[in-house]
Protein backbone atom coordinates (compact mmCIF):
# COMPACT_ATOMS: atom_id res chain seq x y z
CA UNK A 1 -113.11 -56.42 79.64
CA UNK A 2 -113.96 -52.79 78.90
CA UNK A 3 -116.53 -51.43 81.35
CA UNK A 4 -118.36 -49.78 78.42
CA UNK A 5 -119.13 -53.23 76.97
CA UNK A 6 -119.90 -55.16 80.14
CA UNK A 7 -123.67 -54.47 80.01
CA UNK A 8 -123.80 -54.50 76.22
CA UNK A 9 -126.40 -56.80 74.69
CA UNK A 10 -125.10 -59.44 72.30
CA UNK A 11 -126.42 -60.76 69.00
CA UNK A 12 -128.46 -63.47 70.75
CA UNK A 13 -130.48 -60.77 72.52
CA UNK A 14 -131.24 -58.89 69.30
CA UNK A 15 -132.17 -62.09 67.46
CA UNK A 16 -134.54 -62.92 70.33
CA UNK A 17 -136.10 -59.44 70.16
CA UNK A 18 -136.64 -59.70 66.40
CA UNK A 19 -138.20 -63.16 66.69
CA UNK A 20 -140.46 -62.07 69.57
CA UNK A 21 -141.63 -59.12 67.47
CA UNK A 22 -142.38 -61.42 64.53
CA UNK A 23 -144.29 -63.79 66.81
CA UNK A 24 -146.39 -60.88 68.07
CA UNK A 25 -147.18 -59.82 64.50
CA UNK A 26 -148.15 -63.38 63.56
CA UNK A 27 -150.50 -63.48 66.55
CA UNK A 28 -152.30 -60.49 65.04
CA UNK A 29 -152.98 -62.47 61.86
CA UNK A 30 -155.48 -64.59 63.78
CA UNK A 31 -157.95 -61.68 63.77
CA UNK A 32 -158.27 -61.88 59.96
CA UNK A 33 -159.17 -65.58 60.04
CA UNK A 34 -161.51 -65.01 62.98
CA UNK A 35 -163.39 -62.26 61.12
CA UNK A 36 -163.97 -64.52 58.10
CA UNK A 37 -165.38 -67.26 60.35
CA UNK A 38 -167.69 -64.81 62.20
CA UNK A 39 -168.98 -63.43 58.89
CA UNK A 40 -169.65 -66.95 57.56
CA UNK A 41 -171.49 -67.89 60.75
CA UNK A 42 -173.58 -64.72 60.58
CA UNK A 43 -174.53 -65.42 56.97
CA UNK A 44 -175.17 -69.11 57.78
CA UNK A 45 -172.81 -70.34 55.07
CA UNK A 46 -169.92 -71.75 57.12
CA UNK A 47 -168.83 -74.48 54.71
CA UNK A 48 -166.58 -77.41 55.46
CA UNK A 49 -164.04 -76.02 53.01
CA UNK A 50 -163.91 -72.64 54.81
CA UNK A 51 -163.68 -74.38 58.17
CA UNK A 52 -160.82 -76.59 56.97
CA UNK A 53 -159.01 -73.68 55.32
CA UNK A 54 -159.38 -71.53 58.45
CA UNK A 55 -158.19 -74.37 60.68
CA UNK A 56 -155.23 -75.01 58.37
CA UNK A 57 -154.34 -71.32 58.33
CA UNK A 58 -154.51 -71.08 62.12
CA UNK A 59 -152.52 -74.32 62.41
CA UNK A 60 -149.77 -73.08 60.10
CA UNK A 61 -149.56 -69.74 61.92
CA UNK A 62 -149.51 -71.54 65.26
CA UNK A 63 -146.76 -73.92 64.09
CA UNK A 64 -144.65 -71.04 62.79
CA UNK A 65 -145.19 -69.19 66.07
CA UNK A 66 -144.09 -72.24 68.07
CA UNK A 67 -140.91 -72.55 66.00
CA UNK A 68 -140.17 -68.82 66.25
CA UNK A 69 -140.96 -68.80 69.98
CA UNK A 70 -138.66 -71.77 70.62
CA UNK A 71 -135.76 -70.22 68.74
CA UNK A 72 -136.41 -66.77 70.24
CA UNK A 73 -136.68 -68.14 73.77
CA UNK A 74 -133.47 -70.14 73.38
CA UNK A 75 -131.61 -67.16 71.93
CA UNK A 76 -132.90 -64.95 74.75
CA UNK A 77 -131.76 -67.41 77.41
CA UNK A 78 -128.34 -67.79 75.81
CA UNK A 79 -127.97 -64.03 75.39
CA UNK A 80 -129.06 -63.26 78.95
CA UNK A 81 -126.86 -65.96 80.48
CA UNK A 82 -123.88 -64.77 78.44
CA UNK A 83 -124.31 -61.14 79.51
CA UNK A 84 -124.86 -62.27 83.12
CA UNK A 85 -121.64 -64.28 82.93
CA UNK A 86 -119.61 -61.38 81.59
CA UNK A 87 -121.05 -59.03 84.24
CA UNK A 88 -120.12 -61.40 87.07
CA UNK A 89 -116.63 -61.93 85.64
CA UNK A 90 -116.19 -58.19 85.33
CA UNK A 91 -117.47 -57.58 88.87
CA UNK A 92 -115.11 -60.26 90.19
CA UNK A 93 -112.20 -58.49 88.53
CA UNK A 94 -113.50 -55.06 89.56
CA UNK A 95 -113.85 -55.96 93.24
CA UNK A 96 -110.16 -56.91 93.29
CA UNK A 97 -109.33 -53.33 92.29
CA UNK A 98 -111.62 -51.53 94.75
CA UNK A 99 -109.79 -50.07 97.78
CA UNK A 100 -109.75 -52.61 100.59
CA UNK A 101 -111.22 -50.22 103.16
CA UNK A 102 -114.54 -50.39 101.28
CA UNK A 103 -114.97 -53.96 102.52
CA UNK A 104 -114.56 -53.00 106.16
CA UNK A 105 -117.34 -50.40 106.22
CA UNK A 106 -120.30 -52.75 106.40
CA UNK A 107 -120.90 -52.75 102.64
CA UNK A 108 -120.38 -56.46 102.06
CA UNK A 109 -124.15 -56.95 101.76
CA UNK A 110 -124.27 -54.32 99.02
CA UNK A 111 -121.71 -56.18 96.91
CA UNK A 112 -123.37 -59.55 97.55
CA UNK A 113 -126.77 -58.11 96.60
CA UNK A 114 -125.42 -56.64 93.35
CA UNK A 115 -123.50 -59.79 92.37
CA UNK A 116 -126.54 -62.01 93.00
CA UNK A 117 -129.95 -60.30 92.99
CA UNK A 118 -129.12 -57.33 90.76
CA UNK A 119 -127.32 -59.40 88.14
CA UNK A 120 -130.21 -61.90 88.18
CA UNK A 121 -132.70 -59.05 87.75
CA UNK A 122 -130.76 -57.65 84.80
CA UNK A 123 -130.70 -61.13 83.29
CA UNK A 124 -134.51 -61.27 83.63
CA UNK A 125 -134.73 -58.08 81.55
CA UNK A 126 -132.79 -59.72 78.74
CA UNK A 127 -134.36 -63.17 78.93
CA UNK A 128 -138.00 -62.35 79.65
CA UNK A 129 -139.22 -58.78 80.08
CA UNK A 130 -137.71 -57.20 76.96
CA UNK A 131 -138.99 -60.05 74.78
CA UNK A 132 -142.48 -59.93 76.32
CA UNK A 133 -142.69 -56.17 75.75
CA UNK A 134 -141.57 -56.57 72.12
CA UNK A 135 -144.09 -59.38 71.47
CA UNK A 136 -147.07 -57.69 73.14
CA UNK A 137 -146.16 -54.32 71.63
CA UNK A 138 -146.09 -55.84 68.14
CA UNK A 139 -149.44 -57.55 68.76
CA UNK A 140 -150.94 -54.24 69.92
CA UNK A 141 -149.71 -52.48 66.76
CA UNK A 142 -151.13 -55.27 64.57
CA UNK A 143 -154.47 -54.94 66.37
CA UNK A 144 -154.61 -51.19 65.69
CA UNK A 145 -153.67 -51.72 62.01
CA UNK A 146 -156.30 -54.46 61.64
CA UNK A 147 -159.06 -52.30 63.14
CA UNK A 148 -158.00 -49.29 61.03
CA UNK A 149 -158.37 -51.40 57.86
CA UNK A 150 -161.97 -52.09 58.91
CA UNK A 151 -162.98 -48.71 60.31
CA UNK A 152 -160.42 -45.93 60.97
CA UNK A 153 -162.34 -44.15 63.80
CA UNK A 154 -162.48 -47.42 65.74
CA UNK A 155 -158.73 -47.88 65.25
CA UNK A 156 -158.13 -44.38 66.60
CA UNK A 157 -160.14 -45.23 69.74
CA UNK A 158 -157.87 -48.22 70.44
CA UNK A 159 -154.82 -46.07 69.70
CA UNK A 160 -155.99 -43.41 72.17
CA UNK A 161 -156.53 -46.11 74.79
CA UNK A 162 -152.98 -47.34 74.27
CA UNK A 163 -151.56 -43.80 74.36
CA UNK A 164 -153.00 -43.46 77.87
CA UNK A 165 -150.05 -45.67 78.79
CA UNK A 166 -147.65 -42.74 78.44
CA UNK A 167 -148.76 -40.45 81.30
CA UNK A 168 -149.52 -43.34 83.65
CA UNK A 169 -146.16 -44.95 82.87
CA UNK A 170 -144.41 -41.64 83.57
CA UNK A 171 -146.03 -41.48 87.01
CA UNK A 172 -145.38 -45.18 87.58
CA UNK A 173 -141.70 -44.88 86.63
CA UNK A 174 -141.22 -42.00 89.08
CA UNK A 175 -142.74 -44.08 91.88
CA UNK A 176 -140.64 -47.11 90.94
CA UNK A 177 -137.45 -45.03 90.90
CA UNK A 178 -138.22 -43.41 94.27
CA UNK A 179 -139.37 -46.44 96.23
CA UNK A 180 -137.48 -49.09 94.25
CA UNK A 181 -134.09 -47.58 95.16
CA UNK A 182 -135.06 -47.46 98.82
CA UNK A 183 -136.34 -51.03 98.63
CA UNK A 184 -133.05 -52.25 97.15
CA UNK A 185 -131.05 -50.37 99.78
CA UNK A 186 -133.05 -52.05 102.56
CA UNK A 187 -132.55 -55.41 100.82
CA UNK A 188 -128.74 -54.91 100.78
CA UNK A 189 -128.81 -54.19 104.51
CA UNK A 190 -131.02 -57.24 105.00
CA UNK A 191 -128.49 -59.43 103.16
CA UNK A 192 -125.65 -58.09 105.36
CA UNK A 193 -127.56 -58.90 108.54
CA UNK A 194 -128.48 -62.39 107.35
CA UNK A 195 -124.89 -63.18 106.28
CA UNK A 196 -123.59 -61.92 109.64
CA UNK A 197 -126.18 -63.96 111.54
CA UNK A 198 -125.46 -67.20 109.68
CA UNK A 199 -121.65 -66.88 109.83
CA UNK A 200 -121.73 -65.92 113.51
CA UNK A 201 -124.40 -68.33 114.71
CA UNK A 202 -121.93 -70.39 116.78
CA UNK A 203 -120.69 -67.30 118.62
CA UNK A 204 -124.22 -66.01 119.16
CA UNK A 205 -125.29 -69.32 120.68
CA UNK A 206 -122.15 -69.62 122.78
CA UNK A 207 -122.78 -66.24 124.40
CA UNK A 208 -126.53 -66.61 124.54
CA UNK A 209 -127.18 -63.66 122.23
CA UNK A 210 -128.81 -65.60 119.42
CA UNK A 211 -132.16 -64.07 120.31
CA UNK A 212 -130.74 -60.55 120.34
CA UNK A 213 -129.11 -60.94 116.93
CA UNK A 214 -132.18 -62.74 115.65
CA UNK A 215 -134.15 -59.64 116.59
CA UNK A 216 -131.79 -57.58 114.42
CA UNK A 217 -132.42 -59.92 111.49
CA UNK A 218 -136.17 -59.95 112.19
CA UNK A 219 -136.25 -56.14 112.34
CA UNK A 220 -134.30 -56.01 109.09
CA UNK A 221 -136.78 -58.36 107.41
CA UNK A 222 -139.66 -56.34 108.83
CA UNK A 223 -138.12 -53.18 107.36
CA UNK A 224 -137.92 -54.91 104.00
CA UNK A 225 -141.52 -56.05 104.32
CA UNK A 226 -142.59 -52.50 105.18
CA UNK A 227 -140.77 -50.87 102.28
CA UNK A 228 -142.16 -53.55 99.93
CA UNK A 229 -145.66 -52.66 101.14
CA UNK A 230 -144.97 -48.94 100.61
CA UNK A 231 -143.64 -49.73 97.13
CA UNK A 232 -146.70 -51.75 96.14
CA UNK A 233 -149.05 -49.22 97.75
CA UNK A 234 -147.66 -46.44 95.58
CA UNK A 235 -147.27 -48.36 92.32
CA UNK A 236 -150.38 -50.57 92.15
CA UNK A 237 -152.93 -47.69 92.30
CA UNK A 238 -151.31 -46.16 89.21
CA UNK A 239 -151.99 -49.39 87.33
CA UNK A 240 -155.58 -49.35 88.57
CA UNK A 241 -156.05 -45.79 87.27
CA UNK A 242 -154.69 -46.82 83.87
CA UNK A 243 -156.95 -49.87 83.83
CA UNK A 244 -160.04 -47.74 84.52
CA UNK A 245 -159.08 -45.21 81.85
CA UNK A 246 -158.39 -47.89 79.24
CA UNK A 247 -161.67 -49.71 79.94
CA UNK A 248 -163.55 -46.45 79.31
CA UNK A 249 -162.73 -46.98 75.64
CA UNK A 250 -165.10 -49.98 75.58
CA UNK A 251 -168.42 -48.03 75.65
CA UNK A 252 -166.87 -45.40 73.38
CA UNK A 253 -165.91 -48.09 70.87
CA UNK A 254 -169.42 -49.57 70.93
CA UNK A 255 -170.90 -46.13 70.21
CA UNK A 256 -168.46 -45.49 67.36
CA UNK A 257 -169.03 -48.98 65.92
CA UNK A 258 -172.81 -48.63 66.14
CA UNK A 259 -172.57 -45.26 64.40
CA UNK A 260 -170.60 -46.82 61.53
CA UNK A 261 -173.03 -49.72 61.30
CA UNK A 262 -176.04 -47.37 61.22
CA UNK A 263 -174.45 -45.59 58.26
CA UNK A 264 -174.03 -48.96 56.49
CA UNK A 265 -170.25 -48.52 56.57
CA UNK A 266 -169.84 -52.17 57.49
CA UNK A 267 -171.98 -55.20 58.24
CA UNK A 268 -173.09 -56.85 61.49
CA UNK A 269 -170.14 -59.28 61.82
CA UNK A 270 -167.73 -56.33 61.85
CA UNK A 271 -169.95 -54.55 64.41
CA UNK A 272 -169.73 -57.66 66.58
CA UNK A 273 -165.95 -57.86 66.07
CA UNK A 274 -165.39 -54.18 66.88
CA UNK A 275 -167.50 -54.47 70.04
CA UNK A 276 -165.37 -57.37 71.33
CA UNK A 277 -161.88 -56.20 70.36
CA UNK A 278 -161.61 -53.44 73.04
CA UNK A 279 -161.89 -56.14 75.72
CA UNK A 280 -158.83 -57.85 74.27
CA UNK A 281 -157.09 -54.52 73.65
CA UNK A 282 -157.57 -53.34 77.26
CA UNK A 283 -156.27 -56.61 78.68
CA UNK A 284 -153.27 -56.44 76.35
CA UNK A 285 -152.54 -52.83 77.35
CA UNK A 286 -152.74 -53.86 81.00
CA UNK A 287 -150.18 -56.61 80.41
CA UNK A 288 -147.88 -54.12 78.64
CA UNK A 289 -148.24 -51.68 81.56
CA UNK A 290 -147.27 -54.38 84.07
CA UNK A 291 -144.35 -55.50 81.88
CA UNK A 292 -143.03 -51.96 81.46
CA UNK A 293 -143.37 -51.20 85.18
CA UNK A 294 -141.54 -54.43 86.02
CA UNK A 295 -138.94 -53.55 83.41
CA UNK A 296 -138.38 -50.17 85.04
CA UNK A 297 -138.11 -51.81 88.46
CA UNK A 298 -135.53 -54.25 87.14
CA UNK A 299 -133.50 -51.42 85.55
CA UNK A 300 -132.78 -50.20 89.10
CA UNK A 301 -130.56 -53.25 89.29
CA UNK A 302 -128.75 -52.00 86.19
CA UNK A 303 -128.06 -48.70 87.99
CA UNK A 304 -126.63 -50.59 90.96
CA UNK A 305 -124.38 -52.64 88.68
CA UNK A 306 -123.23 -49.43 87.00
CA UNK A 307 -122.50 -47.88 90.41
CA UNK A 308 -120.00 -50.64 91.13
CA UNK A 309 -118.64 -50.52 87.58
CA UNK A 310 -118.02 -46.78 88.03
CA UNK A 311 -116.69 -47.13 91.56
CA UNK A 312 -113.28 -45.60 92.06
CA UNK A 313 -110.46 -48.09 91.73
CA UNK A 314 -107.07 -48.06 93.32
CA UNK A 315 -104.87 -46.01 91.02
CA UNK A 316 -102.41 -48.22 89.18
CA UNK A 317 -98.96 -46.71 89.20
CA UNK A 318 -95.90 -47.68 87.20
CA UNK A 319 -93.61 -47.03 90.16
CA UNK A 320 -91.51 -50.12 90.85
CA UNK A 321 -91.26 -51.31 94.42
CA UNK A 322 -88.33 -53.62 95.10
CA UNK A 323 -86.58 -52.25 98.20
CA UNK A 324 -83.20 -53.74 99.06
CA UNK A 325 -83.83 -53.28 102.77
CA UNK A 326 -87.16 -53.57 104.55
CA UNK A 327 -87.08 -51.22 107.48
CA UNK A 328 -90.46 -49.56 108.13
CA UNK A 329 -90.77 -45.93 109.11
CA UNK A 330 -93.80 -43.90 110.23
CA UNK A 331 -93.35 -40.13 109.97
CA UNK A 332 -95.97 -38.08 111.83
CA UNK A 333 -98.82 -40.34 110.66
CA UNK A 334 -102.39 -39.35 111.50
CA UNK A 335 -105.40 -41.49 110.61
CA UNK A 336 -109.13 -41.71 111.32
CA UNK A 337 -111.74 -44.17 110.08
CA UNK A 338 -114.67 -41.76 110.05
CA UNK A 339 -113.02 -38.31 110.09
CA UNK A 340 -114.63 -37.57 113.45
CA UNK A 341 -112.01 -39.04 115.76
CA UNK A 342 -108.36 -39.75 115.06
CA UNK A 343 -107.25 -43.31 115.77
CA UNK A 344 -103.60 -42.36 115.31
CA UNK A 345 -102.25 -38.91 116.16
CA UNK A 346 -98.87 -37.95 114.72
CA UNK A 347 -97.35 -41.41 115.14
CA UNK A 348 -93.63 -41.68 114.36
CA UNK A 349 -91.42 -44.74 114.81
CA UNK A 350 -88.89 -46.86 112.97
CA UNK A 351 -88.90 -50.66 112.72
CA UNK A 352 -85.42 -51.82 111.78
CA UNK A 353 -84.71 -54.19 108.93
CA UNK A 354 -84.61 -57.87 109.98
CA UNK A 355 -85.58 -56.99 113.55
CA UNK A 356 -88.64 -57.80 115.65
CA UNK A 357 -90.71 -54.77 116.59
CA UNK A 358 -93.59 -55.47 118.96
CA UNK A 359 -96.63 -53.26 119.46
CA UNK A 360 -98.59 -53.41 122.70
CA UNK A 361 -101.37 -51.32 124.20
CA UNK A 362 -104.94 -51.28 125.39
CA UNK A 363 -107.79 -52.43 123.19
CA UNK A 364 -108.73 -49.71 120.70
CA UNK A 365 -105.44 -47.84 121.10
CA UNK A 366 -104.57 -48.19 117.39
CA UNK A 367 -102.30 -51.26 117.31
CA UNK A 368 -104.05 -53.13 114.49
CA UNK A 369 -104.55 -49.86 112.61
CA UNK A 370 -100.77 -49.57 112.29
CA UNK A 371 -100.68 -52.98 110.57
CA UNK A 372 -103.56 -51.96 108.29
CA UNK A 373 -101.69 -48.83 107.22
CA UNK A 374 -98.44 -50.71 106.55
CA UNK A 375 -100.31 -53.17 104.31
CA UNK A 376 -102.17 -50.28 102.59
CA UNK A 377 -105.63 -51.48 103.54
CA UNK A 378 -106.05 -47.79 104.29
CA UNK A 379 -104.19 -44.61 103.36
CA UNK A 380 -103.05 -42.30 106.15
CA UNK A 381 -104.74 -38.90 106.39
CA UNK A 382 -101.39 -37.18 106.79
CA UNK A 383 -97.76 -38.04 107.31
CA UNK A 384 -95.76 -40.65 105.45
CA UNK A 385 -95.06 -44.38 105.66
CA UNK A 386 -91.83 -45.70 104.18
CA UNK A 387 -90.52 -49.19 103.50
CA UNK A 388 -86.83 -49.36 102.63
CA UNK A 389 -86.77 -45.54 102.63
CA UNK A 390 -89.39 -45.51 99.83
CA UNK A 391 -92.74 -43.83 100.49
CA UNK A 392 -95.60 -46.26 99.94
CA UNK A 393 -98.17 -43.53 99.28
CA UNK A 394 -97.59 -43.69 95.53
CA UNK A 395 -97.05 -47.45 95.37
CA UNK A 396 -99.81 -49.89 94.39
CA UNK A 397 -101.21 -51.84 97.33
CA UNK A 398 -100.60 -55.13 95.50
CA UNK A 399 -96.89 -54.28 95.18
CA UNK A 400 -96.63 -53.46 98.88
CA UNK A 401 -98.51 -56.64 99.83
CA UNK A 402 -96.14 -58.70 97.66
CA UNK A 403 -93.44 -57.86 100.23
CA UNK A 404 -95.61 -58.81 103.22
CA UNK A 405 -96.86 -61.99 104.88
CA UNK A 406 -99.90 -61.49 107.10
CA UNK A 407 -100.90 -63.55 110.11
CA UNK A 408 -104.12 -62.08 111.44
CA UNK A 409 -106.30 -62.80 114.47
CA UNK A 410 -109.25 -63.54 112.21
CA UNK A 411 -107.82 -66.29 110.03
CA UNK A 412 -109.64 -66.78 106.74
CA UNK A 413 -109.45 -70.17 105.06
CA UNK A 414 -111.06 -71.04 101.74
CA UNK A 415 -113.39 -74.00 101.46
CA UNK A 416 -110.66 -76.02 99.81
CA UNK A 417 -108.03 -78.56 100.83
CA UNK A 418 -105.36 -77.81 103.42
CA UNK A 419 -102.75 -78.11 100.69
CA UNK A 420 -104.41 -75.58 98.40
CA UNK A 421 -105.11 -73.15 101.24
CA UNK A 422 -101.40 -72.97 101.98
CA UNK A 423 -100.43 -72.95 98.30
CA UNK A 424 -102.48 -69.77 97.74
CA UNK A 425 -99.56 -67.89 99.34
CA UNK A 426 -97.17 -69.14 96.64
CA UNK A 427 -98.79 -71.10 93.78
CA UNK A 428 -95.41 -72.51 92.68
CA UNK A 429 -94.79 -74.19 96.05
CA UNK A 430 -94.17 -77.93 95.88
CA UNK A 431 -95.95 -80.48 98.07
CA UNK A 432 -92.69 -81.05 99.92
CA UNK A 433 -92.34 -77.33 100.69
CA UNK A 434 -95.95 -77.18 101.90
CA UNK A 435 -95.45 -80.14 104.22
CA UNK A 436 -92.24 -78.61 105.59
CA UNK A 437 -94.06 -75.30 106.23
CA UNK A 438 -96.79 -77.19 108.10
CA UNK A 439 -94.17 -78.98 110.18
CA UNK A 440 -92.57 -75.66 111.16
CA UNK A 441 -96.02 -74.25 111.96
CA UNK A 442 -96.82 -77.22 114.24
CA UNK A 443 -99.65 -78.36 111.96
CA UNK A 444 -98.20 -81.77 111.20
CA UNK A 445 -99.66 -83.53 114.23
CA UNK A 446 -103.33 -82.69 113.67
CA UNK A 447 -103.03 -83.01 109.88
CA UNK A 448 -101.63 -86.55 110.15
CA UNK A 449 -104.67 -87.54 112.24
CA UNK A 450 -106.95 -86.78 109.28
CA UNK A 451 -107.87 -89.55 106.84
CA UNK A 452 -107.04 -87.44 103.77
CA UNK A 453 -104.27 -85.51 105.51
CA UNK A 454 -103.29 -82.53 103.29
CA UNK A 455 -106.17 -83.21 100.89
CA UNK A 456 -108.78 -82.70 103.63
CA UNK A 457 -111.33 -79.98 102.93
CA UNK A 458 -111.17 -77.35 105.67
CA UNK A 459 -114.87 -76.43 105.47
CA UNK A 460 -116.34 -72.97 105.07
CA UNK A 461 -113.81 -70.53 106.53
CA UNK A 462 -111.99 -73.46 108.12
CA UNK A 463 -114.82 -74.31 110.50
CA UNK A 464 -113.65 -77.93 110.77
CA UNK A 465 -110.63 -76.79 112.78
CA UNK A 466 -110.17 -75.07 116.12
CA UNK A 467 -109.01 -71.47 116.43
CA UNK A 468 -105.47 -72.56 117.30
CA UNK A 469 -105.32 -74.96 114.35
CA UNK A 470 -106.52 -72.25 111.97
CA UNK A 471 -103.90 -69.88 113.41
CA UNK A 472 -101.15 -72.43 112.76
CA UNK A 473 -102.35 -73.01 109.18
CA UNK A 474 -102.17 -69.25 108.70
CA UNK A 475 -98.59 -69.27 110.00
CA UNK A 476 -97.75 -72.10 107.57
CA UNK A 477 -99.14 -69.95 104.78
CA UNK A 478 -96.89 -67.08 105.89
CA UNK A 479 -93.87 -69.40 105.99
CA UNK A 480 -94.52 -70.65 102.46
CA UNK A 481 -94.84 -67.10 101.10
CA UNK A 482 -91.39 -66.29 102.52
CA UNK A 483 -91.85 -62.51 102.37
CA UNK A 484 -89.20 -60.14 103.75
CA UNK A 485 -91.80 -58.46 106.00
CA UNK A 486 -94.11 -60.25 108.44
CA UNK A 487 -97.10 -58.53 110.05
CA UNK A 488 -98.32 -60.64 112.93
CA UNK A 489 -101.42 -60.00 115.02
CA UNK A 490 -100.76 -62.53 117.77
CA UNK A 491 -103.85 -63.88 119.51
CA UNK A 492 -102.72 -66.65 121.83
CA UNK A 493 -104.59 -65.21 124.82
CA UNK A 494 -107.87 -66.68 123.58
CA UNK A 495 -106.46 -70.18 123.08
CA UNK A 496 -106.26 -73.17 125.39
CA UNK A 497 -102.88 -74.08 126.89
CA UNK A 498 -102.06 -76.76 124.30
CA UNK A 499 -102.93 -74.57 121.32
CA UNK A 500 -101.22 -71.54 122.88
CA UNK A 501 -97.93 -73.44 123.21
CA UNK A 502 -98.25 -74.82 119.67
CA UNK A 503 -98.94 -71.36 118.22
CA UNK A 504 -96.05 -69.82 120.18
CA UNK A 505 -93.68 -72.48 118.86
CA UNK A 506 -95.03 -71.89 115.35
CA UNK A 507 -94.44 -68.15 115.72
CA UNK A 508 -90.89 -68.84 116.92
CA UNK A 509 -90.25 -70.93 113.80
CA UNK A 510 -91.80 -68.22 111.64
CA UNK A 511 -89.43 -65.64 113.14
CA UNK A 512 -86.41 -67.92 112.94
CA UNK A 513 -85.26 -66.51 109.60
CA UNK A 514 -84.07 -62.94 109.58
CA UNK A 515 -87.06 -60.84 108.51
CA UNK A 516 -88.59 -57.50 109.39
CA UNK A 517 -91.36 -58.38 111.82
CA UNK A 518 -94.08 -56.15 113.25
CA UNK A 519 -96.01 -58.05 115.91
CA UNK A 520 -99.11 -56.83 117.71
CA UNK A 521 -98.85 -58.69 121.01
CA UNK A 522 -101.75 -59.38 123.34
CA UNK A 523 -99.62 -61.32 125.81
CA UNK A 524 -96.38 -59.60 126.83
CA UNK A 525 -94.46 -62.76 127.68
CA UNK A 526 -94.19 -63.65 124.00
CA UNK A 527 -92.25 -60.46 123.15
CA UNK A 528 -89.68 -60.32 125.92
CA UNK A 529 -86.94 -60.85 123.34
CA UNK A 530 -88.22 -58.21 120.88
CA UNK A 531 -85.61 -55.77 119.55
CA UNK A 532 -88.00 -52.88 120.13
CA UNK A 533 -91.38 -52.58 121.84
CA UNK A 534 -93.81 -49.77 121.04
CA UNK A 535 -96.41 -48.93 123.68
CA UNK A 536 -99.45 -47.39 121.97
CA UNK A 537 -101.86 -45.37 124.08
CA UNK A 538 -104.84 -43.46 122.64
CA UNK A 539 -103.31 -43.19 119.20
CA UNK A 540 -99.80 -42.10 120.17
CA UNK A 541 -96.52 -43.91 120.90
CA UNK A 542 -96.33 -43.50 124.67
CA UNK A 543 -93.10 -45.48 125.18
CA UNK A 544 -90.55 -47.45 123.17
CA UNK A 545 -87.54 -49.60 123.97
CA UNK A 546 -86.54 -53.14 124.88
CA UNK A 547 -88.38 -55.18 127.49
CA UNK A 548 -85.75 -54.41 130.16
CA UNK A 549 -85.58 -50.69 129.30
CA UNK A 550 -89.35 -50.31 129.55
CA UNK A 551 -89.53 -52.12 132.87
CA UNK A 552 -86.81 -49.84 134.27
CA UNK A 553 -88.87 -46.77 133.32
CA UNK A 554 -91.79 -48.03 135.41
CA UNK A 555 -94.30 -46.49 133.01
CA UNK A 556 -97.33 -47.92 131.20
CA UNK A 557 -95.49 -51.02 129.97
CA UNK A 558 -94.32 -51.74 133.51
CA UNK A 559 -97.91 -51.52 134.74
CA UNK A 560 -99.14 -53.82 131.95
CA UNK A 561 -96.39 -56.35 132.67
CA UNK A 562 -97.09 -56.30 136.39
CA UNK A 563 -100.81 -56.81 135.80
CA UNK A 564 -100.13 -59.77 133.49
CA UNK A 565 -97.74 -61.40 135.96
CA UNK A 566 -100.23 -60.92 138.77
CA UNK A 567 -102.96 -62.50 136.66
CA UNK A 568 -100.73 -65.47 135.83
CA UNK A 569 -99.86 -65.92 139.51
CA UNK A 570 -103.55 -65.93 140.43
CA UNK A 571 -104.27 -68.51 137.76
CA UNK A 572 -101.41 -70.73 138.96
CA UNK A 573 -102.63 -70.38 142.54
């Protein structure tokens, strides 16, 4: 869908607007019937015929209004829902094209807020606010025309009262724009904190930090409450000023009407009518002011939607990427997440085709960053990354990822069946292939214990399974994808003995076929047989070689190995 058309109103919206305008005009016809009844009462000649005719006229107008309202309301709801649907579909497609690093910078709440609250707010504009403004605006115009047909000066007084909307709306819109944007920004942050709190509640409780994180959420909600108060404090007084100014037309109208009556321009019933109409007119103008202010507030959501629509996408390139070999080479690669501190500093290494290259190092040394750069979650600041002697800088991320199977520490599973979660890696996979992949990944035992086996729902993010079981399902997914490159962030250190052994066996089966493997290892014993081991220290490759070569050098790897062996000995003791 073209981004120019994604917010475009459809025919249902315009039909709704036309019908709402007609309904507003028909509402104004009631004044004519009302004037005839007041005149008849004043002259004491309200006949049964006039009463029946007036009732019939009001009944017909009311019936027509009901029919028009029903059709207009239905058209508005259909139009708004249709536009809302096309916006959400577009955003879903758009988010797939936004660079992946955007989702690691704490902006998840922003996207959630836009896809839910902002789209809902824009839908309210189309289904309610725009129609209400059209209907009440048409009624206000009919009122002015009706009064002008009776006495032009009185009509001008009502017109002047309505024109007072313009300066007050200008001030109101400025306040809405200023504080409404800030309010929405705080709301996005609030959504992020709430999502984090709910998804991490088990961890927070386990470590006894639920209260601490709850304070973060509470502070976030308090910030939203405060900005909402500031917003209302600055917008509501503007409406009060307009209300006072518009109600000043009431005594002015009475004076003008009395002047016309004293000159015998019209009779007493019209004087009575003109004295009452400003009350209705002022209330109507107040409703229009509130509707327009709400409309302006809701259009902030339209700006937020447009911001995502206009967000820079990953550049699609026609360059084909089908390397015959899958060696990976880093050439003087430098990278930083925030431009203040480099995570990698001039890193150069080569991972041979169909060989296992392990990466070890202290926490925060840049190990996982190397995997992120290979998979093009991020682009390096300088230097070059090659796969099969082809630079990936000008290759689409999706084409690079098509050559890669990922097994991450933080396994993500969809709230779907086990079978479908594994099939996502290769939609054409047969049930037999999926079951074989699960057998190789050591998933078969715990799956067979389930009543529905492969058709069991895994729960939100796989919360029905343990960490080790999720890790093995992730390995099964990598096996079924059968990519020539495997990026593995091994995390057996946090597992119990049984799960650790199962995951290690699953990893062994994953690496059984000849593939190019880059493994970030947190336990050194699992990579003793690696073809090459890179020791990363503060963003640079400190050492490289086989397990035996690195031990002989007695450098950082030797110290890490010795510390691990000592720890294992203490545990065994």
